[in-house]
C-alpha atoms as a PDB file:
ATOM      1  CA  MET A   1     182.932 -36.312 116.030  1.00  0.00           C
ATOM      2  CA  ASP A   2     179.695 -35.275 117.483  1.00  0.00           C
ATOM      3  CA  LEU A   3     177.231 -35.262 114.723  1.00  0.00           C
ATOM      4  CA  GLY A   4     174.534 -33.345 116.797  1.00  0.00           C
ATOM      5  CA  LEU A   5     171.814 -36.022 116.192  1.00  0.00           C
ATOM      6  CA  GLU A   6     170.935 -37.058 119.878  1.00  0.00           C
ATOM      7  CA  GLY A   7     167.096 -37.017 120.225  1.00  0.00           C
ATOM      8  CA  ARG A   8     166.514 -36.374 116.536  1.00  0.00           C
ATOM      9  CA  VAL A   9     163.593 -37.899 115.012  1.00  0.00           C
ATOM     10  CA  ALA A  10     164.234 -39.734 111.814  1.00  0.00           C
ATOM     11  CA  LEU A  11     162.014 -41.548 109.412  1.00  0.00           C
ATOM     12  CA  VAL A  12     163.941 -44.173 107.221  1.00  0.00           C
ATOM     13  CA  MET A  13     162.045 -46.116 104.457  1.00  0.00           C
ATOM     14  CA  GLY A  14     162.970 -49.400 103.402  1.00  0.00           C
ATOM     15  CA  ALA A  15     164.860 -50.087 106.694  1.00  0.00           C
ATOM     16  CA  SER A  16     164.104 -53.835 107.181  1.00  0.00           C
ATOM     17  CA  GLN A  17     167.148 -54.975 105.363  1.00  0.00           C
ATOM     18  CA  GLY A  18     170.328 -53.845 103.333  1.00  0.00           C
ATOM     19  CA  ILE A  19     171.149 -50.261 102.868  1.00  0.00           C
ATOM     20  CA  GLY A  20     168.269 -48.809 104.661  1.00  0.00           C
ATOM     21  CA  ARG A  21     168.776 -51.053 107.598  1.00  0.00           C
ATOM     22  CA  ALA A  22     172.263 -49.795 107.861  1.00  0.00           C
ATOM     23  CA  ILE A  23     171.242 -46.085 107.601  1.00  0.00           C
ATOM     24  CA  ALA A  24     168.675 -46.688 110.469  1.00  0.00           C
ATOM     25  CA  ALA A  25     171.458 -48.486 112.683  1.00  0.00           C
ATOM     26  CA  ALA A  26     174.040 -45.438 112.127  1.00  0.00           C
ATOM     27  CA  LEU A  27     171.514 -42.910 112.855  1.00  0.00           C
ATOM     28  CA  ALA A  28     170.506 -44.726 116.016  1.00  0.00           C
ATOM     29  CA  ARG A  29     174.210 -45.082 117.045  1.00  0.00           C
ATOM     30  CA  GLU A  30     174.339 -41.321 117.024  1.00  0.00           C
ATOM     31  CA  GLY A  31     171.547 -40.762 119.162  1.00  0.00           C
ATOM     32  CA  ALA A  32     168.546 -40.504 116.907  1.00  0.00           C
ATOM     33  CA  ARG A  33     165.207 -41.967 117.514  1.00  0.00           C
ATOM     34  CA  VAL A  34     164.502 -43.764 114.362  1.00  0.00           C
ATOM     35  CA  ALA A  35     161.245 -44.927 112.744  1.00  0.00           C
ATOM     36  CA  ILE A  36     161.894 -47.703 110.521  1.00  0.00           C
ATOM     37  CA  ALA A  37     159.641 -48.452 107.911  1.00  0.00           C
ATOM     38  CA  SER A  38     159.037 -51.272 105.169  1.00  0.00           C
ATOM     39  CA  ARG A  39     156.206 -53.552 103.957  1.00  0.00           C
ATOM     40  CA  SER A  40     157.468 -56.481 105.812  1.00  0.00           C
ATOM     41  CA  ALA A  41     156.459 -56.752 109.517  1.00  0.00           C
ATOM     42  CA  GLU A  42     158.589 -59.652 110.100  1.00  0.00           C
ATOM     43  CA  ARG A  43     161.989 -58.247 108.645  1.00  0.00           C
ATOM     44  CA  LEU A  44     161.020 -54.744 110.344  1.00  0.00           C
ATOM     45  CA  ALA A  45     160.873 -57.088 113.917  1.00  0.00           C
ATOM     46  CA  ASP A  46     164.166 -58.246 113.511  1.00  0.00           C
ATOM     47  CA  ALA A  47     165.857 -55.002 112.273  1.00  0.00           C
ATOM     48  CA  ALA A  48     164.100 -53.284 115.439  1.00  0.00           C
ATOM     49  CA  ALA A  49     165.659 -56.076 117.672  1.00  0.00           C
ATOM     50  CA  GLU A  50     168.999 -55.731 116.048  1.00  0.00           C
ATOM     51  CA  ILE A  51     169.082 -51.756 116.297  1.00  0.00           C
ATOM     52  CA  GLY A  52     167.839 -51.610 119.546  1.00  0.00           C
ATOM     53  CA  GLU A  53     165.490 -49.353 121.544  1.00  0.00           C
ATOM     54  CA  ARG A  54     165.962 -46.242 119.591  1.00  0.00           C
ATOM     55  CA  ALA A  55     164.321 -48.116 116.575  1.00  0.00           C
ATOM     56  CA  THR A  56     160.325 -48.025 116.341  1.00  0.00           C
ATOM     57  CA  PRO A  57     158.963 -50.092 113.314  1.00  0.00           C
ATOM     58  CA  PHE A  58     156.089 -49.225 111.076  1.00  0.00           C
ATOM     59  CA  VAL A  59     154.619 -51.116 108.434  1.00  0.00           C
ATOM     60  CA  ALA A  60     154.017 -49.053 105.038  1.00  0.00           C
ATOM     61  CA  ASP A  61     154.426 -50.055 101.388  1.00  0.00           C
ATOM     62  CA  ALA A  62     156.380 -47.183  99.245  1.00  0.00           C
ATOM     63  CA  GLY A  63     154.236 -47.876  96.433  1.00  0.00           C
ATOM     64  CA  ASP A  64     150.789 -47.086  98.344  1.00  0.00           C
ATOM     65  CA  ARG A  65     149.976 -43.549  98.324  1.00  0.00           C
ATOM     66  CA  GLU A  66     147.402 -43.517 100.974  1.00  0.00           C
ATOM     67  CA  GLN A  67     149.776 -45.536 103.626  1.00  0.00           C
ATOM     68  CA  LEU A  68     152.655 -43.211 102.765  1.00  0.00           C
ATOM     69  CA  ALA A  69     150.414 -39.996 103.309  1.00  0.00           C
ATOM     70  CA  ALA A  70     149.458 -41.345 106.662  1.00  0.00           C
ATOM     71  CA  LEU A  71     152.907 -42.563 107.895  1.00  0.00           C
ATOM     72  CA  PRO A  72     154.559 -39.022 108.839  1.00  0.00           C
ATOM     73  CA  ALA A  73     151.606 -38.462 111.408  1.00  0.00           C
ATOM     74  CA  GLN A  74     151.715 -41.708 112.790  1.00  0.00           C
ATOM     75  CA  VAL A  75     155.641 -41.290 113.160  1.00  0.00           C
ATOM     76  CA  ALA A  76     155.021 -37.872 114.941  1.00  0.00           C
ATOM     77  CA  ASP A  77     152.433 -39.410 117.073  1.00  0.00           C
ATOM     78  CA  ALA A  78     154.521 -41.888 118.581  1.00  0.00           C
ATOM     79  CA  LEU A  79     157.910 -40.351 118.450  1.00  0.00           C
ATOM     80  CA  GLY A  80     157.421 -36.385 117.620  1.00  0.00           C
ATOM     81  CA  PRO A  81     157.814 -34.426 114.461  1.00  0.00           C
ATOM     82  CA  ILE A  82     160.031 -35.780 111.771  1.00  0.00           C
ATOM     83  CA  GLU A  83     163.440 -33.978 111.524  1.00  0.00           C
ATOM     84  CA  ILE A  84     165.251 -36.240 109.153  1.00  0.00           C
ATOM     85  CA  LEU A  85     163.766 -38.215 106.196  1.00  0.00           C
ATOM     86  CA  VAL A  86     165.672 -40.842 104.311  1.00  0.00           C
ATOM     87  CA  ALA A  87     163.739 -41.793 101.143  1.00  0.00           C
ATOM     88  CA  ASN A  88     164.677 -45.317 100.348  1.00  0.00           C
ATOM     89  CA  THR A  89     162.457 -47.336  98.242  1.00  0.00           C
ATOM     90  CA  GLY A  90     164.639 -50.143  96.813  1.00  0.00           C
ATOM     91  CA  GLY A  91     165.223 -50.878  93.027  1.00  0.00           C
ATOM     92  CA  PRO A  92     162.515 -51.763  90.507  1.00  0.00           C
ATOM     93  CA  PRO A  93     162.765 -54.989  88.084  1.00  0.00           C
ATOM     94  CA  PHE A  94     165.508 -55.338  85.990  1.00  0.00           C
ATOM     95  CA  GLY A  95     165.029 -54.869  82.051  1.00  0.00           C
ATOM     96  CA  GLY A  96     165.938 -52.917  79.024  1.00  0.00           C
ATOM     97  CA  ALA A  97     164.083 -49.881  77.490  1.00  0.00           C
ATOM     98  CA  LEU A  98     161.062 -51.711  76.114  1.00  0.00           C
ATOM     99  CA  ASP A  99     161.237 -54.743  78.561  1.00  0.00           C
ATOM    100  CA  HIS A 100     158.544 -53.306  80.776  1.00  0.00           C
ATOM    101  CA  ASP A 101     154.521 -52.724  80.033  1.00  0.00           C
ATOM    102  CA  LEU A 102     153.151 -49.450  81.021  1.00  0.00           C
ATOM    103  CA  ASP A 103     151.784 -50.778  84.646  1.00  0.00           C
ATOM    104  CA  GLU A 104     155.364 -51.491  85.547  1.00  0.00           C
ATOM    105  CA  TRP A 105     156.416 -47.981  84.534  1.00  0.00           C
ATOM    106  CA  GLU A 106     153.738 -46.585  86.733  1.00  0.00           C
ATOM    107  CA  ARG A 107     154.731 -48.701  89.819  1.00  0.00           C
ATOM    108  CA  ALA A 108     158.414 -47.714  89.283  1.00  0.00           C
ATOM    109  CA  TYR A 109     157.081 -44.086  88.941  1.00  0.00           C
ATOM    110  CA  ARG A 110     154.939 -44.291  92.311  1.00  0.00           C
ATOM    111  CA  SER A 111     158.079 -45.928  94.197  1.00  0.00           C
ATOM    112  CA  LEU A 112     160.797 -43.731  92.986  1.00  0.00           C
ATOM    113  CA  VAL A 113     159.128 -40.447  92.173  1.00  0.00           C
ATOM    114  CA  LEU A 114     155.856 -40.175  93.954  1.00  0.00           C
ATOM    115  CA  ALA A 115     156.931 -41.732  97.155  1.00  0.00           C
ATOM    116  CA  PRO A 116     159.663 -38.976  98.010  1.00  0.00           C
ATOM    117  CA  ARG A 117     157.367 -36.092  96.825  1.00  0.00           C
ATOM    118  CA  ILE A 118     154.534 -37.547  99.033  1.00  0.00           C
ATOM    119  CA  LEU A 119     156.816 -37.844 102.185  1.00  0.00           C
ATOM    120  CA  ALA A 120     158.680 -34.577 101.602  1.00  0.00           C
ATOM    121  CA  GLY A 121     155.402 -32.823 101.389  1.00  0.00           C
ATOM    122  CA  ALA A 122     154.219 -34.088 104.797  1.00  0.00           C
ATOM    123  CA  VAL A 123     157.565 -33.167 106.499  1.00  0.00           C
ATOM    124  CA  VAL A 124     158.864 -30.169 105.043  1.00  0.00           C
ATOM    125  CA  PRO A 125     156.301 -27.687 106.310  1.00  0.00           C
ATOM    126  CA  GLY A 126     157.254 -28.616 109.848  1.00  0.00           C
ATOM    127  CA  MET A 127     160.933 -28.480 108.927  1.00  0.00           C
ATOM    128  CA  ARG A 128     160.417 -24.915 107.820  1.00  0.00           C
ATOM    129  CA  GLU A 129     158.889 -24.056 110.866  1.00  0.00           C
ATOM    130  CA  ARG A 130     161.547 -25.418 113.107  1.00  0.00           C
ATOM    131  CA  ARG A 131     164.157 -23.945 110.666  1.00  0.00           C
ATOM    132  CA  TRP A 132     165.983 -27.308 110.593  1.00  0.00           C
ATOM    133  CA  GLY A 133     165.712 -30.514 108.493  1.00  0.00           C
ATOM    134  CA  ARG A 134     167.493 -33.139 106.594  1.00  0.00           C
ATOM    135  CA  ILE A 135     166.227 -35.063 103.592  1.00  0.00           C
ATOM    136  CA  VAL A 136     168.518 -37.672 101.993  1.00  0.00           C
ATOM    137  CA  ASN A 137     167.467 -39.858  98.942  1.00  0.00           C
ATOM    138  CA  VAL A 138     168.809 -43.049  98.200  1.00  0.00           C
ATOM    139  CA  GLY A 139     169.648 -43.195  94.624  1.00  0.00           C
ATOM    140  CA  SER A 140     171.753 -44.798  92.209  1.00  0.00           C
ATOM    141  CA  THR A 141     174.913 -43.844  89.954  1.00  0.00           C
ATOM    142  CA  SER A 142     172.374 -44.749  87.185  1.00  0.00           C
ATOM    143  CA  THR A 143     171.703 -40.931  87.417  1.00  0.00           C
ATOM    144  CA  ARG A 144     175.081 -40.206  86.349  1.00  0.00           C
ATOM    145  CA  GLU A 145     175.739 -42.841  84.135  1.00  0.00           C
ATOM    146  CA  PRO A 146     172.600 -44.931  82.877  1.00  0.00           C
ATOM    147  CA  ILE A 147     173.191 -48.820  83.824  1.00  0.00           C
ATOM    148  CA  PRO A 148     172.481 -51.476  80.999  1.00  0.00           C
ATOM    149  CA  GLY A 149     169.543 -53.582  82.006  1.00  0.00           C
ATOM    150  CA  LEU A 150     168.053 -51.227  84.614  1.00  0.00           C
ATOM    151  CA  ASN A 151     165.900 -48.884  82.357  1.00  0.00           C
ATOM    152  CA  LEU A 152     163.273 -48.126  85.139  1.00  0.00           C
ATOM    153  CA  SER A 153     165.803 -47.123  87.349  1.00  0.00           C
ATOM    154  CA  ASN A 154     167.535 -45.158  84.734  1.00  0.00           C
ATOM    155  CA  SER A 155     164.535 -43.333  83.815  1.00  0.00           C
ATOM    156  CA  HIS A 156     162.661 -42.419  87.039  1.00  0.00           C
ATOM    157  CA  ARG A 157     165.556 -41.793  89.458  1.00  0.00           C
ATOM    158  CA  MET A 158     166.692 -38.831  87.080  1.00  0.00           C
ATOM    159  CA  ALA A 159     163.015 -37.639  87.658  1.00  0.00           C
ATOM    160  CA  ALA A 160     163.402 -37.983  91.356  1.00  0.00           C
ATOM    161  CA  VAL A 161     166.861 -36.048  91.354  1.00  0.00           C
ATOM    162  CA  GLY A 162     165.205 -33.162  89.399  1.00  0.00           C
ATOM    163  CA  PHE A 163     162.510 -32.855  91.947  1.00  0.00           C
ATOM    164  CA  LEU A 164     164.798 -32.863  94.864  1.00  0.00           C
ATOM    165  CA  LYS A 165     167.320 -30.502  93.386  1.00  0.00           C
ATOM    166  CA  THR A 166     164.402 -27.927  92.776  1.00  0.00           C
ATOM    167  CA  LEU A 167     163.252 -28.546  96.475  1.00  0.00           C
ATOM    168  CA  ALA A 168     166.770 -28.070  97.778  1.00  0.00           C
ATOM    169  CA  ASN A 169     166.902 -24.823  96.251  1.00  0.00           C
ATOM    170  CA  GLU A 170     163.596 -23.716  97.593  1.00  0.00           C
ATOM    171  CA  VAL A 171     164.274 -24.645 101.308  1.00  0.00           C
ATOM    172  CA  ALA A 172     168.116 -23.945 101.690  1.00  0.00           C
ATOM    173  CA  ALA A 173     167.649 -20.753 103.421  1.00  0.00           C
ATOM    174  CA  GLY A 174     165.213 -22.137 106.119  1.00  0.00           C
ATOM    175  CA  GLY A 175     168.099 -24.436 107.354  1.00  0.00           C
ATOM    176  CA  ILE A 176     167.081 -27.731 105.574  1.00  0.00           C
ATOM    177  CA  THR A 177     169.223 -29.775 103.458  1.00  0.00           C
ATOM    178  CA  VAL A 178     168.150 -32.062 100.350  1.00  0.00           C
ATOM    179  CA  ASN A 179     170.782 -34.594  99.028  1.00  0.00           C
ATOM    180  CA  THR A 180     170.738 -37.596  96.947  1.00  0.00           C
ATOM    181  CA  VAL A 181     173.520 -40.453  97.613  1.00  0.00           C
ATOM    182  CA  ALA A 182     174.076 -42.240  94.056  1.00  0.00           C
ATOM    183  CA  THR A 183     174.629 -45.856  95.051  1.00  0.00           C
ATOM    184  CA  GLY A 184     177.207 -48.023  93.400  1.00  0.00           C
ATOM    185  CA  ARG A 185     177.599 -51.726  94.024  1.00  0.00           C
ATOM    186  CA  PHE A 186     176.858 -52.822  97.702  1.00  0.00           C
ATOM    187  CA  ALA A 187     176.767 -56.127  99.252  1.00  0.00           C
ATOM    188  CA  THR A 188     172.996 -56.485  99.451  1.00  0.00           C
ATOM    189  CA  GLU A 189     170.394 -59.128  98.536  1.00  0.00           C
ATOM    190  CA  ARG A 190     169.347 -57.051  95.343  1.00  0.00           C
ATOM    191  CA  LEU A 191     172.815 -57.183  94.189  1.00  0.00           C
ATOM    192  CA  ALA A 192     173.073 -61.070  95.029  1.00  0.00           C
ATOM    193  CA  ASP A 193     169.820 -61.338  92.924  1.00  0.00           C
ATOM    194  CA  ALA A 194     171.520 -59.471  90.084  1.00  0.00           C
ATOM    195  CA  GLY A 195     174.884 -61.299  90.184  1.00  0.00           C
ATOM    196  CA  GLY A 196     173.548 -64.647  90.677  1.00  0.00           C
ATOM    197  CA  SER A 197     175.287 -64.539  94.378  1.00  0.00           C
ATOM    198  CA  LEU A 198     177.252 -62.086  96.618  1.00  0.00           C
ATOM    199  CA  GLU A 199     180.103 -64.146  95.983  1.00  0.00           C
ATOM    200  CA  GLN A 200     180.190 -63.859  92.371  1.00  0.00           C
ATOM    201  CA  ALA A 201     179.244 -59.940  92.581  1.00  0.00           C
ATOM    202  CA  GLU A 202     182.365 -59.699  94.828  1.00  0.00           C
ATOM    203  CA  GLU A 203     184.481 -61.576  92.412  1.00  0.00           C
ATOM    204  CA  GLY A 204     183.111 -59.286  89.861  1.00  0.00           C
ATOM    205  CA  ALA A 205     183.978 -55.928  91.869  1.00  0.00           C
ATOM    206  CA  ARG A 206     187.473 -56.893  92.229  1.00  0.00           C
ATOM    207  CA  THR A 207     188.190 -56.242  88.479  1.00  0.00           C
ATOM    208  CA  GLU A 208     185.460 -53.610  87.779  1.00  0.00           C
ATOM    209  CA  VAL A 209     185.518 -51.486  90.842  1.00  0.00           C
ATOM    210  CA  PRO A 210     188.722 -49.437  91.312  1.00  0.00           C
ATOM    211  CA  ALA A 211     188.246 -50.199  95.357  1.00  0.00           C
ATOM    212  CA  ALA A 212     188.266 -53.811  94.202  1.00  0.00           C
ATOM    213  CA  ARG A 213     185.433 -54.790  96.460  1.00  0.00           C
ATOM    214  CA  LEU A 214     181.789 -54.223  97.122  1.00  0.00           C
ATOM    215  CA  GLY A 215     180.636 -51.458  99.457  1.00  0.00           C
ATOM    216  CA  ARG A 216     179.535 -52.341 102.827  1.00  0.00           C
ATOM    217  CA  PRO A 217     176.080 -51.118 103.828  1.00  0.00           C
ATOM    218  CA  GLU A 218     177.644 -49.886 107.050  1.00  0.00           C
ATOM    219  CA  GLU A 219     179.685 -47.566 105.118  1.00  0.00           C
ATOM    220  CA  TYR A 220     176.747 -46.362 103.500  1.00  0.00           C
ATOM    221  CA  GLY A 221     175.058 -45.490 106.783  1.00  0.00           C
ATOM    222  CA  ASP A 222     177.954 -43.588 107.790  1.00  0.00           C
ATOM    223  CA  LEU A 223     177.929 -41.366 104.706  1.00  0.00           C
ATOM    224  CA  VAL A 224     174.011 -40.847 105.407  1.00  0.00           C
ATOM    225  CA  ALA A 225     174.438 -40.106 109.089  1.00  0.00           C
ATOM    226  CA  PHE A 226     177.034 -37.455 108.283  1.00  0.00           C
ATOM    227  CA  LEU A 227     174.612 -35.788 105.769  1.00  0.00           C
ATOM    228  CA  CYS A 228     172.021 -35.729 108.338  1.00  0.00           C
ATOM    229  CA  SER A 229     174.170 -34.271 110.893  1.00  0.00           C
ATOM    230  CA  GLU A 230     174.919 -30.548 112.079  1.00  0.00           C
ATOM    231  CA  ARG A 231     178.049 -30.659 110.427  1.00  0.00           C
ATOM    232  CA  ALA A 232     176.712 -31.031 106.823  1.00  0.00           C
ATOM    233  CA  ALA A 233     174.820 -27.922 107.132  1.00  0.00           C
ATOM    234  CA  TYR A 234     176.277 -26.551 104.011  1.00  0.00           C
ATOM    235  CA  ILE A 235     175.894 -29.592 101.773  1.00  0.00           C
ATOM    236  CA  THR A 236     172.669 -29.304  99.991  1.00  0.00           C
ATOM    237  CA  GLY A 237     171.150 -30.039  96.471  1.00  0.00           C
ATOM    238  CA  THR A 238     174.026 -32.473  95.574  1.00  0.00           C
ATOM    239  CA  VAL A 239     174.199 -36.108  94.106  1.00  0.00           C
ATOM    240  CA  ILE A 240     176.995 -37.773  96.129  1.00  0.00           C
ATOM    241  CA  PRO A 241     178.451 -40.903  94.688  1.00  0.00           C
ATOM    242  CA  ILE A 242     179.294 -43.818  96.752  1.00  0.00           C
ATOM    243  CA  ASP A 243     180.860 -46.361  94.554  1.00  0.00           C
ATOM    244  CA  GLY A 244     184.398 -47.221  95.320  1.00  0.00           C
ATOM    245  CA  GLY A 245     185.405 -45.202  92.203  1.00  0.00           C
ATOM    246  CA  ARG A 246     183.458 -46.877  89.618  1.00  0.00           C
ATOM    247  CA  LEU A 247     181.888 -44.060  87.886  1.00  0.00           C
ATOM    248  CA  ARG A 248     183.919 -43.141  84.819  1.00  0.00           C
ATOM    249  CA  SER A 249     182.716 -39.545  84.572  1.00  0.00           C
ATOM    250  CA  ILE A 250     184.394 -36.649  86.616  1.00  0.00           C
END
C-alpha cells in the first residue's frame, strides 16, 4: 500500500529509543524525511545510524520551552517545512495521587501538555497554508482507564487529549488531521523499569493482555505511519488504543 509519504518532512519527538524510534523508522521506510529529536545526542546518533540517511538528529528537551519553540524552525531550515508532527515525550515518574510534589506536577505538565501545544502552535500555521498536515500524539490507555500508580500520566494526558480534540475540530476542514494513540504494554525500557525486566513484563502479559504478549514497537510505528498517510485523511479527533485488547471498556 502506497501511503503517500514520499518526501514528506516529519518531526518525531522522543525518537532516540523505544516507540519514538520505531515511529521514525516506519516513516523513513515510507519515504519521509524524518527529524528525530531527543535529549540524548548519543542515543540520537545510534538511532540515526540505524534508521539511515532519511533521519536527521536534533537535540531538544521536551521539558524546555525555549528549545521546543526553536526546534521547528531548525528542522525547517534543514529539511523544509514540517508536514508531520509526532508528539512523543515519554512517561512521567510513577506514583499515586499524592506522591508527587508540585514541582513534579509542573514538570509533567510541561512535558505532556505544554510540549504538544508549543509544537502544534509552531507547525499548524504552515499546515493550514499548504492545506495538508498530520499530528499524532503518543498517549496512553490511561486516558480511557486510569492506571494505578501512574497518577501524573492519568492526570496530564487527559488534558493533552482535550487540547488535541479541540484542535482537531478547528483544523479538520483544512486537510489537517490530529489523533492520539493510546499506548498499552509495549516492550520498551520504561516497561522494563516498571516491571523489573522485560521478561517479567512479558510473563505478566500472557495472563493480563488478551493477545497474551507485549506489543512490539515496530507494530506501533506501522499504526502511526498509517495515521500520517494520505489513506488516513478521514481519521481525525480520535483516541486509538493499541493495547492487544487490554482495555476493558468498549
